[in-house]
Protein backbone atom coordinates (compact mmCIF):
# COMPACT_ATOMS: atom_id res chain seq x y z
CA UNK A 1 70.53 -25.95 3.19
CA UNK A 2 70.24 -22.49 4.67
CA UNK A 3 72.64 -21.26 1.99
CA UNK A 4 70.11 -22.45 -0.63
CA UNK A 5 67.49 -20.18 0.92
CA UNK A 6 69.86 -17.19 0.93
CA UNK A 7 70.87 -17.88 -2.66
CA UNK A 8 67.24 -18.05 -3.86
CA UNK A 9 66.33 -14.86 -2.05
CA UNK A 10 69.40 -12.99 -3.28
CA UNK A 11 69.63 -14.16 -6.88
CA UNK A 12 66.56 -14.01 -9.12
CA UNK A 13 68.16 -16.52 -11.52
CA UNK A 14 68.32 -19.12 -8.77
CA UNK A 15 64.68 -18.59 -7.81
CA UNK A 16 63.68 -18.80 -11.48
CA UNK A 17 65.16 -22.31 -11.69
CA UNK A 18 62.79 -23.51 -8.98
CA UNK A 19 59.75 -21.58 -10.20
CA UNK A 20 59.10 -24.22 -12.87
CA UNK A 21 58.46 -26.82 -10.19
CA UNK A 22 56.21 -24.89 -7.81
CA UNK A 23 56.31 -25.70 -4.10
CA UNK A 24 58.94 -28.37 -3.44
CA UNK A 25 60.77 -30.02 -0.59
CA UNK A 26 64.35 -31.32 -0.90
CA UNK A 27 65.78 -33.74 1.65
CA UNK A 28 69.47 -34.48 2.15
CA UNK A 29 70.55 -37.71 3.80
CA UNK A 30 73.79 -39.46 4.68
CA UNK A 31 73.70 -43.23 4.98
CA UNK A 32 69.90 -43.28 4.86
CA UNK A 33 69.45 -40.79 7.70
CA UNK A 34 67.86 -37.49 6.67
CA UNK A 35 69.86 -34.68 8.23
CA UNK A 36 68.47 -31.57 6.56
CA UNK A 37 65.79 -30.32 4.22
CA UNK A 38 64.88 -27.31 2.17
CA UNK A 39 61.40 -25.96 1.35
CA UNK A 40 60.78 -23.79 -1.69
CA UNK A 41 57.62 -21.92 -2.63
CA UNK A 42 58.73 -19.57 -5.43
CA UNK A 43 55.26 -18.09 -5.99
CA UNK A 44 55.52 -16.59 -2.49
CA UNK A 45 59.30 -15.96 -2.62
CA UNK A 46 59.52 -18.29 0.37
CA UNK A 47 62.67 -20.40 0.90
CA UNK A 48 63.73 -22.10 4.13
CA UNK A 49 66.33 -24.61 5.27
CA UNK A 50 66.01 -26.86 8.32
CA UNK A 51 67.85 -29.56 10.22
CA UNK A 52 66.26 -32.98 10.61
CA UNK A 53 63.66 -34.72 8.48
CA UNK A 54 60.87 -32.87 6.64
CA UNK A 55 57.32 -33.12 8.03
CA UNK A 56 56.00 -34.08 4.57
CA UNK A 57 57.35 -36.48 1.94
CA UNK A 58 60.18 -34.85 -0.01
CA UNK A 59 59.75 -34.01 -3.68
CA UNK A 60 63.40 -34.98 -4.11
CA UNK A 61 65.74 -36.84 -1.76
CA UNK A 62 69.49 -37.09 -2.23
CA UNK A 63 71.16 -39.71 -0.05
CA UNK A 64 74.96 -39.76 0.14
CA UNK A 65 76.65 -42.99 1.18
CA UNK A 66 78.95 -41.16 3.62
CA UNK A 67 79.98 -37.74 4.82
CA UNK A 68 83.10 -37.96 2.65
CA UNK A 69 80.95 -38.50 -0.46
CA UNK A 70 78.70 -35.57 0.50
CA UNK A 71 81.74 -33.35 1.06
CA UNK A 72 83.24 -34.36 -2.31
CA UNK A 73 79.92 -33.51 -4.00
CA UNK A 74 79.72 -30.13 -2.24
CA UNK A 75 83.29 -29.32 -3.28
CA UNK A 76 82.71 -30.34 -6.91
CA UNK A 77 85.15 -33.27 -6.71
CA UNK A 78 82.58 -36.01 -7.36
CA UNK A 79 81.71 -37.56 -10.71
CA UNK A 80 77.97 -37.57 -10.10
CA UNK A 81 77.05 -40.13 -12.76
CA UNK A 82 79.71 -42.56 -11.56
CA UNK A 83 78.69 -42.01 -7.92
CA UNK A 84 75.07 -42.81 -8.75
CA UNK A 85 76.13 -45.90 -10.72
CA UNK A 86 78.30 -47.08 -7.83
CA UNK A 87 75.50 -46.50 -5.31
CA UNK A 88 77.45 -43.77 -3.51
CA UNK A 89 74.62 -41.32 -4.21
CA UNK A 90 70.94 -42.26 -4.42
CA UNK A 91 68.33 -39.92 -5.87
CA UNK A 92 64.61 -40.44 -5.29
CA UNK A 93 61.72 -38.36 -6.48
CA UNK A 94 61.30 -35.79 -9.22
CA UNK A 95 64.65 -36.22 -10.97
CA UNK A 96 64.40 -33.14 -13.27
CA UNK A 97 64.32 -31.17 -10.04
CA UNK A 98 67.68 -32.76 -9.27
CA UNK A 99 69.17 -31.05 -12.32
CA UNK A 100 67.96 -27.67 -11.05
CA UNK A 101 69.32 -28.47 -7.59
CA UNK A 102 72.70 -29.36 -9.10
CA UNK A 103 72.85 -25.94 -10.77
CA UNK A 104 71.91 -24.25 -7.49
CA UNK A 105 74.54 -26.16 -5.52
CA UNK A 106 77.15 -25.15 -8.08
CA UNK A 107 76.06 -21.51 -7.68
CA UNK A 108 76.36 -21.81 -3.89
CA UNK A 109 79.97 -22.88 -4.24
CA UNK A 110 80.72 -19.76 -6.32
CA UNK A 111 78.48 -17.57 -4.12
CA UNK A 112 80.39 -18.56 -0.96
CA UNK A 113 83.83 -17.90 -2.45
């Protein structure tokens, strides 16, 4: 999640994706346990990533069935639609925000290479 913050600060295109949604909070969970979260406030150019659960309800939560599923998603080896249909990935909250997050996560993979 800290890489999301760096990406948004370093690439205006990434920040522009989130600007449409205003202040948001993403939570990432594995097996129902929230492990990390990301806060975005594009109007202030403020992006942060944290460990643990967010102090406020998340705008969007992505819950991976297992660490292996999360790793496959991060590495681009997961068919997202099939994984959602099979219950391997659960998405709750503002789902259009999930599309923007997917684009950002794809950019992170290229950004880190």
